[in-house]
Amino acid sequence: MSPAKILIVDDEADILEFMRYNLSKEGYILETAQNGEEALAKAEEFDPNLILLDIMMPIMDGIEVCKKLRKIEKFNKTIIAFLTARSEDFTQITAFEQGGDDYITKPIRPKVLVSRLKALLKRNQLAAKGNVNVIELGDLKIDKEGFIVYIKGKKVVFAKKEFELLYLLASKPGRVFRREEIFNHVWGNEVIVGNRTIDVHIRKIREKIGENYIKTVKGIGYKFDF
């Protein structure tokens, strides 16, 4: 399989060089851009598998770039991971609503960056093969077809709704799922549940897989991280 192509977009030259150095060691084919307009042009020319896109940039910010890319058919399945020093919840939500796949906060830690990108690329490869039933992230393996969860190779039993909630969050690492969205995906119209239902299920999931995988975004919802 040929190495993945990654377009890195950031207006700070030292960050571009830092990411180029660390990602080149992993064998990726790399291209860079320093503003939003250049990013759009490079994306058309380079046709990357994944775009690392800074949010705060001159000329055109990253969210606007993402919005424009998602309107072009050939970029519908391109992975877009945002880079930003901002950690406000509303920025994350806006980024995902415009079609982002992940959200990586600066300062960037090389090992975290590489593992995050590998997970995103692997997920896309599985989807392309039609195998979206198995998610492997860190020590966690989730088999949707078998309704089975493994942690470090050890099978862990989950109730049906716990499993469906875990699978939903893990299907898009880094993405913030709003509480209403979780209700619609996991419970739908089949039953009326209380406001604490999600919280109780999240607590039970954390008891089984540990505290590090699912993060609470205060006042909004939850996201899967690792």
Protein backbone atom coordinates (compact mmCIF):
# COMPACT_ATOMS: atom_id res chain seq x y z
CA MET A 1 0.00 0.00 0.00
CA SER A 2 1.38 3.43 -0.96
CA PRO A 3 2.06 5.89 1.87
CA ALA A 4 -0.67 8.38 2.75
CA LYS A 5 -0.45 11.95 1.47
CA ILE A 6 -0.84 14.66 4.11
CA LEU A 7 -1.29 18.40 3.52
CA ILE A 8 -0.17 20.50 6.52
CA VAL A 9 -1.66 24.00 6.70
CA ASP A 10 -0.40 26.53 9.27
CA ASP A 11 0.70 30.16 9.08
CA GLU A 12 3.65 29.57 11.44
CA ALA A 13 6.73 28.34 9.60
CA ASP A 14 8.29 26.73 12.68
CA ILE A 15 5.17 24.63 13.30
CA LEU A 16 5.12 23.53 9.67
CA GLU A 17 8.75 22.45 9.93
CA PHE A 18 8.13 20.71 13.27
CA MET A 19 5.24 18.66 11.86
CA ARG A 20 7.03 17.98 8.58
CA TYR A 21 10.02 16.59 10.49
CA ASN A 22 7.95 14.30 12.72
CA LEU A 23 5.59 13.04 10.01
CA SER A 24 8.31 12.49 7.42
CA LYS A 25 9.89 9.95 9.82
CA GLU A 26 6.65 7.94 9.52
CA GLY A 27 7.02 7.74 5.74
CA TYR A 28 4.12 10.02 4.78
CA ILE A 29 4.18 12.08 1.58
CA LEU A 30 3.91 15.71 2.68
CA GLU A 31 2.94 19.10 1.27
CA THR A 32 2.50 22.39 3.12
CA ALA A 33 0.55 25.65 2.86
CA GLN A 34 0.65 28.81 4.98
CA ASN A 35 -2.82 30.31 4.49
CA GLY A 36 -6.34 29.29 3.54
CA GLU A 37 -6.22 30.28 -0.13
CA GLU A 38 -2.93 28.45 -0.64
CA ALA A 39 -4.44 25.43 1.15
CA LEU A 40 -7.33 25.22 -1.32
CA ALA A 41 -4.96 25.43 -4.29
CA LYS A 42 -2.54 22.85 -2.85
CA ALA A 43 -5.41 20.50 -2.01
CA GLU A 44 -6.63 20.56 -5.61
CA GLU A 45 -3.12 19.89 -6.91
CA PHE A 46 -1.89 17.43 -4.26
CA ASP A 47 -5.15 15.51 -3.60
CA PRO A 48 -4.22 14.52 -0.02
CA ASN A 49 -5.66 11.66 2.02
CA LEU A 50 -5.56 13.85 5.13
CA ILE A 51 -5.38 17.59 5.80
CA LEU A 52 -3.97 19.04 9.03
CA LEU A 53 -5.66 22.43 9.09
CA ASP A 54 -4.91 25.29 11.46
CA ILE A 55 -8.01 27.28 12.45
CA MET A 56 -6.52 30.73 13.08
CA MET A 57 -4.91 31.86 9.80
CA PRO A 58 -4.73 35.06 7.73
CA ILE A 59 -6.68 35.57 4.49
CA MET A 60 -9.04 32.64 5.16
CA ASP A 61 -9.40 30.72 8.41
CA GLY A 62 -9.39 26.94 8.67
CA ILE A 63 -13.12 26.58 9.27
CA GLU A 64 -13.89 28.46 6.06
CA VAL A 65 -11.34 26.32 4.18
CA CYS A 66 -13.01 23.16 5.49
CA LYS A 67 -16.44 24.46 4.50
CA LYS A 68 -15.25 25.14 0.94
CA LEU A 69 -13.50 21.76 0.64
CA ARG A 70 -16.60 19.85 1.76
CA LYS A 71 -18.54 21.47 -1.09
CA ILE A 72 -16.18 19.81 -3.59
CA GLU A 73 -17.14 16.19 -4.25
CA LYS A 74 -13.64 14.73 -4.41
CA PHE A 75 -12.91 16.02 -0.89
CA ASN A 76 -16.04 14.52 0.72
CA LYS A 77 -14.04 11.62 2.15
CA THR A 78 -10.76 13.44 2.74
CA ILE A 79 -9.86 13.43 6.45
CA ILE A 80 -9.69 16.94 7.90
CA ALA A 81 -8.08 17.33 11.33
CA PHE A 82 -8.05 20.83 12.82
CA LEU A 83 -5.04 22.31 14.59
CA THR A 84 -5.53 25.13 17.06
CA ALA A 85 -4.27 26.66 20.27
CA ARG A 86 -7.84 27.54 21.15
CA SER A 87 -9.73 25.16 23.42
CA GLU A 88 -13.14 26.81 23.66
CA ASP A 89 -15.96 24.33 23.23
CA PHE A 90 -17.78 26.48 20.67
CA THR A 91 -14.74 26.42 18.39
CA GLN A 92 -14.68 22.63 18.47
CA ILE A 93 -18.39 22.41 17.73
CA THR A 94 -18.15 24.87 14.82
CA ALA A 95 -15.18 22.95 13.39
CA PHE A 96 -17.05 19.64 13.46
CA GLU A 97 -20.27 21.13 12.13
CA GLN A 98 -18.34 22.27 9.04
CA GLY A 99 -17.14 18.72 8.37
CA GLY A 100 -14.01 18.27 10.47
CA ASP A 101 -13.01 14.76 11.55
CA ASP A 102 -10.76 15.51 14.51
CA TYR A 103 -9.44 18.32 16.65
CA ILE A 104 -5.81 18.48 17.82
CA THR A 105 -4.83 21.14 20.34
CA LYS A 106 -1.50 22.95 20.35
CA PRO A 107 1.15 22.62 21.70
CA ILE A 108 1.41 19.47 19.61
CA ARG A 109 2.97 16.35 21.12
CA PRO A 110 4.62 14.30 18.34
CA LYS A 111 3.59 10.85 19.64
CA VAL A 112 -0.01 11.95 20.16
CA LEU A 113 -0.13 13.55 16.71
CA VAL A 114 1.24 10.45 14.98
CA SER A 115 -1.05 8.02 16.82
CA ARG A 116 -4.08 10.23 16.12
CA LEU A 117 -3.32 10.41 12.40
CA LYS A 118 -2.68 6.68 12.17
CA ALA A 119 -6.06 6.00 13.78
CA LEU A 120 -7.85 8.39 11.40
CA LEU A 121 -6.16 6.92 8.32
CA LYS A 122 -6.85 3.36 9.48
CA ARG A 123 -10.51 4.17 10.02
CA ASN A 124 -10.77 5.48 6.45
CA GLN A 125 -9.02 2.42 5.07
CA LEU A 126 -11.49 0.13 6.85
CA ALA A 127 -14.40 2.20 5.59
CA ALA A 128 -13.06 1.97 2.02
CA LYS A 129 -12.95 -1.82 2.36
CA GLY A 130 -16.45 -1.85 3.75
CA ASN A 131 -15.21 -3.04 7.15
CA VAL A 132 -16.61 -0.38 9.46
CA ASN A 133 -17.71 -2.93 12.03
CA VAL A 134 -14.38 -3.11 13.83
CA ILE A 135 -12.74 -0.12 15.50
CA GLU A 136 -9.26 -0.42 17.00
CA LEU A 137 -7.93 2.53 18.99
CA GLY A 138 -5.10 2.19 21.46
CA ASP A 139 -5.73 -0.84 23.69
CA LEU A 140 -9.41 -0.89 22.73
CA LYS A 141 -11.05 -3.06 20.05
CA ILE A 142 -14.77 -2.74 19.35
CA ASP A 143 -16.45 -5.37 17.19
CA LYS A 144 -19.88 -4.06 16.18
CA GLU A 145 -20.96 -7.22 14.38
CA GLY A 146 -20.12 -9.44 17.33
CA PHE A 147 -21.19 -6.87 19.93
CA ILE A 148 -17.86 -7.48 21.68
CA VAL A 149 -15.35 -5.12 23.29
CA TYR A 150 -11.74 -6.11 24.00
CA ILE A 151 -9.33 -4.20 26.24
CA LYS A 152 -5.70 -5.32 25.90
CA GLY A 153 -7.08 -8.49 24.32
CA LYS A 154 -9.42 -9.24 27.21
CA LYS A 155 -13.14 -9.50 26.47
CA VAL A 156 -15.38 -7.07 28.39
CA VAL A 157 -19.16 -7.47 28.56
CA PHE A 158 -21.34 -4.45 27.75
CA ALA A 159 -25.09 -3.91 27.90
CA LYS A 160 -26.67 -3.10 24.52
CA LYS A 161 -27.06 0.65 25.01
CA GLU A 162 -23.64 0.97 26.62
CA PHE A 163 -22.12 -0.75 23.58
CA GLU A 164 -24.02 1.42 21.10
CA LEU A 165 -22.98 4.59 22.93
CA LEU A 166 -19.33 3.54 23.07
CA TYR A 167 -19.33 2.59 19.38
CA LEU A 168 -20.90 5.92 18.40
CA LEU A 169 -18.27 7.97 20.23
CA ALA A 170 -15.36 5.78 19.06
CA SER A 171 -16.51 5.92 15.44
CA LYS A 172 -15.20 9.51 15.24
CA PRO A 173 -12.36 10.07 17.73
CA GLY A 174 -12.03 13.70 18.78
CA ARG A 175 -15.45 14.73 17.56
CA VAL A 176 -17.78 16.25 20.15
CA PHE A 177 -21.20 14.60 20.13
CA ARG A 178 -24.01 16.78 21.48
CA ARG A 179 -26.32 15.20 24.03
CA GLU A 180 -29.32 15.48 21.68
CA GLU A 181 -27.33 13.76 18.92
CA ILE A 182 -26.42 10.90 21.26
CA PHE A 183 -30.06 10.48 22.27
CA ASN A 184 -31.15 10.33 18.62
CA HIS A 185 -28.47 7.79 17.62
CA VAL A 186 -28.67 5.47 20.61
CA TRP A 187 -32.23 5.72 21.87
CA GLY A 188 -34.16 7.31 18.99
CA ASN A 189 -37.92 7.37 19.50
CA GLU A 190 -38.14 3.93 21.06
CA VAL A 191 -38.36 5.14 24.62
CA ILE A 192 -38.54 8.31 26.68
CA VAL A 193 -35.45 8.56 28.86
CA GLY A 194 -34.42 10.97 31.57
CA ASN A 195 -31.77 13.67 31.34
CA ARG A 196 -29.33 11.62 33.43
CA THR A 197 -29.55 8.52 31.23
CA ILE A 198 -26.50 9.39 29.10
CA ASP A 199 -24.45 10.31 32.17
CA VAL A 200 -25.26 7.01 33.87
CA HIS A 201 -24.28 5.02 30.77
CA ILE A 202 -21.05 7.01 30.38
CA ARG A 203 -20.18 6.28 34.01
CA LYS A 204 -20.73 2.55 33.46
CA ILE A 205 -18.60 2.58 30.31
CA ARG A 206 -15.78 4.36 32.15
CA GLU A 207 -15.93 1.77 34.92
CA LYS A 208 -15.24 -0.91 32.29
CA ILE A 209 -12.67 0.73 30.01
CA GLY A 210 -11.10 3.35 32.29
CA GLU A 211 -11.39 7.11 32.61
CA ASN A 212 -9.06 8.10 29.77
CA TYR A 213 -11.08 7.33 26.66
CA ILE A 214 -14.27 9.39 27.02
CA LYS A 215 -14.04 13.10 27.79
CA THR A 216 -16.85 15.34 29.01
CA VAL A 217 -17.34 18.64 27.13
CA LYS A 218 -19.11 20.69 29.77
CA GLY A 219 -22.58 21.85 28.81
CA ILE A 220 -22.43 20.20 25.39
CA GLY A 221 -21.78 16.45 25.36
CA TYR A 222 -19.00 13.89 25.11
CA LYS A 223 -16.11 12.91 22.86
CA PHE A 224 -13.85 9.87 22.50
CA ASP A 225 -10.16 10.54 22.94
CA PHE A 226 -7.06 8.40 23.51
